């Protein structure tokens, strides 16, 4: 499974605090996801980050 952070991101950092091994904050102040599938051991955290995003900016893409 893989995720993408779309243009709705407001830079709240919730995804980064929920799954810091997959999401990071860019210099522009918005979140970005790794350009790779979520490691198996972090799938639950990544799914929680996507579910918890207050602006639905995290999309599952694979």
N, C-alpha and C. Protein backbone atom coordinates (compact mmCIF):
# COMPACT_ATOMS: atom_id res chain seq x y z
N UNK A 1 0.84 -1.16 0.00
CA UNK A 1 0.00 0.00 0.00
C UNK A 1 0.90 1.23 0.00
N UNK A 2 0.42 2.27 -0.65
CA UNK A 2 1.17 3.51 -0.78
C UNK A 2 0.20 4.68 -0.62
N UNK A 3 0.70 5.79 -0.09
CA UNK A 3 -0.13 6.97 0.10
C UNK A 3 0.46 8.19 -0.60
N UNK A 4 -0.40 9.14 -0.86
CA UNK A 4 -0.03 10.40 -1.47
C UNK A 4 -0.71 11.51 -0.69
N UNK A 5 0.00 12.61 -0.42
CA UNK A 5 -0.58 13.77 0.26
C UNK A 5 -0.95 14.78 -0.83
N UNK A 6 -2.23 15.09 -0.93
CA UNK A 6 -2.69 15.98 -2.00
C UNK A 6 -2.64 17.46 -1.59
N UNK A 7 -3.12 18.31 -2.47
CA UNK A 7 -3.06 19.77 -2.28
C UNK A 7 -3.96 20.29 -1.16
N UNK A 8 -4.79 19.44 -0.57
CA UNK A 8 -5.64 19.87 0.54
C UNK A 8 -4.87 20.02 1.86
N UNK A 9 -3.64 19.53 1.90
CA UNK A 9 -2.86 19.53 3.14
C UNK A 9 -2.73 20.95 3.69
N UNK A 10 -3.00 21.07 5.00
CA UNK A 10 -2.89 22.36 5.68
C UNK A 10 -1.66 22.43 6.58
N UNK A 11 -0.87 21.37 6.56
CA UNK A 11 0.38 21.36 7.33
C UNK A 11 0.20 21.21 8.83
N UNK A 12 -0.86 20.55 9.26
CA UNK A 12 -1.12 20.41 10.70
C UNK A 12 -0.13 19.47 11.38
N UNK A 13 0.46 18.54 10.63
CA UNK A 13 1.46 17.63 11.18
C UNK A 13 0.90 16.39 11.85
N UNK A 14 -0.41 16.20 11.83
CA UNK A 14 -1.00 15.04 12.48
C UNK A 14 -0.47 13.73 11.89
N UNK A 15 -0.34 13.66 10.57
CA UNK A 15 0.16 12.43 9.95
C UNK A 15 1.61 12.16 10.35
N UNK A 16 2.39 13.21 10.46
CA UNK A 16 3.80 13.05 10.84
C UNK A 16 3.91 12.56 12.28
N UNK A 17 3.07 13.07 13.16
CA UNK A 17 3.12 12.61 14.55
C UNK A 17 2.55 11.21 14.70
N UNK A 18 1.64 10.80 13.81
CA UNK A 18 1.04 9.48 13.86
C UNK A 18 1.95 8.43 13.23
N UNK A 19 2.61 8.77 12.14
CA UNK A 19 3.46 7.82 11.42
C UNK A 19 4.71 8.52 10.88
N UNK A 20 5.63 8.87 11.78
CA UNK A 20 6.82 9.62 11.36
C UNK A 20 7.79 8.84 10.47
N UNK A 21 7.62 7.53 10.40
CA UNK A 21 8.50 6.74 9.54
C UNK A 21 8.06 6.77 8.08
N UNK A 22 6.86 7.34 7.81
CA UNK A 22 6.37 7.38 6.43
C UNK A 22 6.03 8.79 5.95
N UNK A 23 5.59 9.64 6.86
CA UNK A 23 5.23 11.02 6.49
C UNK A 23 6.23 11.99 7.10
N UNK A 24 6.56 13.03 6.36
CA UNK A 24 7.46 14.09 6.84
C UNK A 24 6.87 15.44 6.44
N UNK A 25 7.42 16.49 7.01
CA UNK A 25 7.02 17.84 6.63
C UNK A 25 8.05 18.39 5.65
N UNK A 26 7.56 18.94 4.55
CA UNK A 26 8.43 19.54 3.54
C UNK A 26 8.81 20.95 3.98
N UNK A 27 9.81 21.51 3.35
CA UNK A 27 10.23 22.88 3.63
C UNK A 27 9.11 23.88 3.35
N UNK A 28 8.16 23.49 2.53
CA UNK A 28 7.04 24.37 2.19
C UNK A 28 5.95 24.38 3.26
N UNK A 29 6.10 23.55 4.30
CA UNK A 29 5.16 23.55 5.40
C UNK A 29 4.00 22.58 5.26
N UNK A 30 4.04 21.73 4.26
CA UNK A 30 3.00 20.72 4.11
C UNK A 30 3.62 19.34 4.24
N UNK A 31 2.77 18.35 4.47
CA UNK A 31 3.25 16.98 4.64
C UNK A 31 3.50 16.33 3.29
N UNK A 32 4.41 15.37 3.31
CA UNK A 32 4.67 14.54 2.13
C UNK A 32 4.82 13.10 2.61
N UNK A 33 4.47 12.18 1.72
CA UNK A 33 4.63 10.76 2.00
C UNK A 33 5.85 10.25 1.26
N UNK A 34 6.46 9.20 1.78
CA UNK A 34 7.58 8.57 1.09
C UNK A 34 7.12 8.12 -0.29
N UNK A 35 8.00 8.12 -1.22
CA UNK A 35 7.69 7.65 -2.57
C UNK A 35 7.98 6.16 -2.67
N UNK A 36 7.36 5.42 -1.78
CA UNK A 36 7.55 3.97 -1.72
C UNK A 36 6.36 3.39 -0.96
N UNK A 37 6.14 2.10 -1.10
CA UNK A 37 5.07 1.48 -0.31
C UNK A 37 5.37 1.58 1.18
N UNK A 38 4.31 1.61 1.97
CA UNK A 38 4.45 1.66 3.43
C UNK A 38 5.08 0.34 3.89
N UNK A 39 6.13 0.40 4.70
CA UNK A 39 6.68 -0.84 5.25
C UNK A 39 5.59 -1.58 6.05
N UNK A 40 5.58 -2.87 5.95
CA UNK A 40 4.55 -3.69 6.59
C UNK A 40 4.36 -3.33 8.06
N UNK A 41 5.44 -3.10 8.76
CA UNK A 41 5.35 -2.81 10.20
C UNK A 41 4.72 -1.45 10.51
N UNK A 42 4.53 -0.60 9.49
CA UNK A 42 3.94 0.72 9.71
C UNK A 42 2.60 0.91 9.00
N UNK A 43 2.04 -0.17 8.45
CA UNK A 43 0.78 -0.06 7.71
C UNK A 43 -0.35 0.47 8.58
N UNK A 44 -0.44 0.00 9.81
CA UNK A 44 -1.50 0.46 10.71
C UNK A 44 -1.37 1.93 11.05
N UNK A 45 -0.16 2.38 11.33
CA UNK A 45 0.08 3.79 11.64
C UNK A 45 -0.25 4.67 10.45
N UNK A 46 0.15 4.25 9.26
CA UNK A 46 -0.11 5.04 8.06
C UNK A 46 -1.61 5.12 7.78
N UNK A 47 -2.32 4.02 7.96
CA UNK A 47 -3.77 4.02 7.77
C UNK A 47 -4.44 4.94 8.79
N UNK A 48 -3.97 4.93 10.03
CA UNK A 48 -4.52 5.82 11.06
C UNK A 48 -4.26 7.28 10.71
N UNK A 49 -3.10 7.56 10.15
CA UNK A 49 -2.78 8.93 9.74
C UNK A 49 -3.73 9.39 8.63
N UNK A 50 -3.97 8.53 7.66
CA UNK A 50 -4.88 8.87 6.57
C UNK A 50 -6.29 9.07 7.09
N UNK A 51 -6.74 8.18 7.95
CA UNK A 51 -8.09 8.26 8.51
C UNK A 51 -8.26 9.51 9.37
N UNK A 52 -7.20 9.88 10.08
CA UNK A 52 -7.28 11.01 11.00
C UNK A 52 -7.05 12.38 10.38
N UNK A 53 -6.66 12.42 9.12
CA UNK A 53 -6.39 13.71 8.48
C UNK A 53 -7.65 14.58 8.49
N UNK A 54 -7.56 15.78 9.07
CA UNK A 54 -8.77 16.61 9.20
C UNK A 54 -9.28 17.20 7.89
N UNK A 55 -8.47 17.15 6.83
CA UNK A 55 -8.91 17.72 5.55
C UNK A 55 -8.87 16.68 4.42
N UNK A 56 -8.80 15.41 4.78
CA UNK A 56 -8.77 14.32 3.80
C UNK A 56 -7.72 14.54 2.71
N UNK A 57 -6.52 14.91 3.13
CA UNK A 57 -5.45 15.18 2.18
C UNK A 57 -4.61 13.96 1.85
N UNK A 58 -4.84 12.85 2.53
CA UNK A 58 -4.03 11.65 2.32
C UNK A 58 -4.84 10.64 1.53
N UNK A 59 -4.32 10.29 0.37
CA UNK A 59 -5.01 9.35 -0.51
C UNK A 59 -4.21 8.06 -0.63
N UNK A 60 -4.91 6.94 -0.57
CA UNK A 60 -4.25 5.66 -0.81
C UNK A 60 -4.12 5.47 -2.32
N UNK A 61 -2.93 5.15 -2.79
CA UNK A 61 -2.70 5.04 -4.22
C UNK A 61 -2.19 3.68 -4.65
N UNK A 62 -2.19 2.73 -3.80
CA UNK A 62 -1.72 1.43 -4.22
C UNK A 62 -1.84 0.40 -3.16
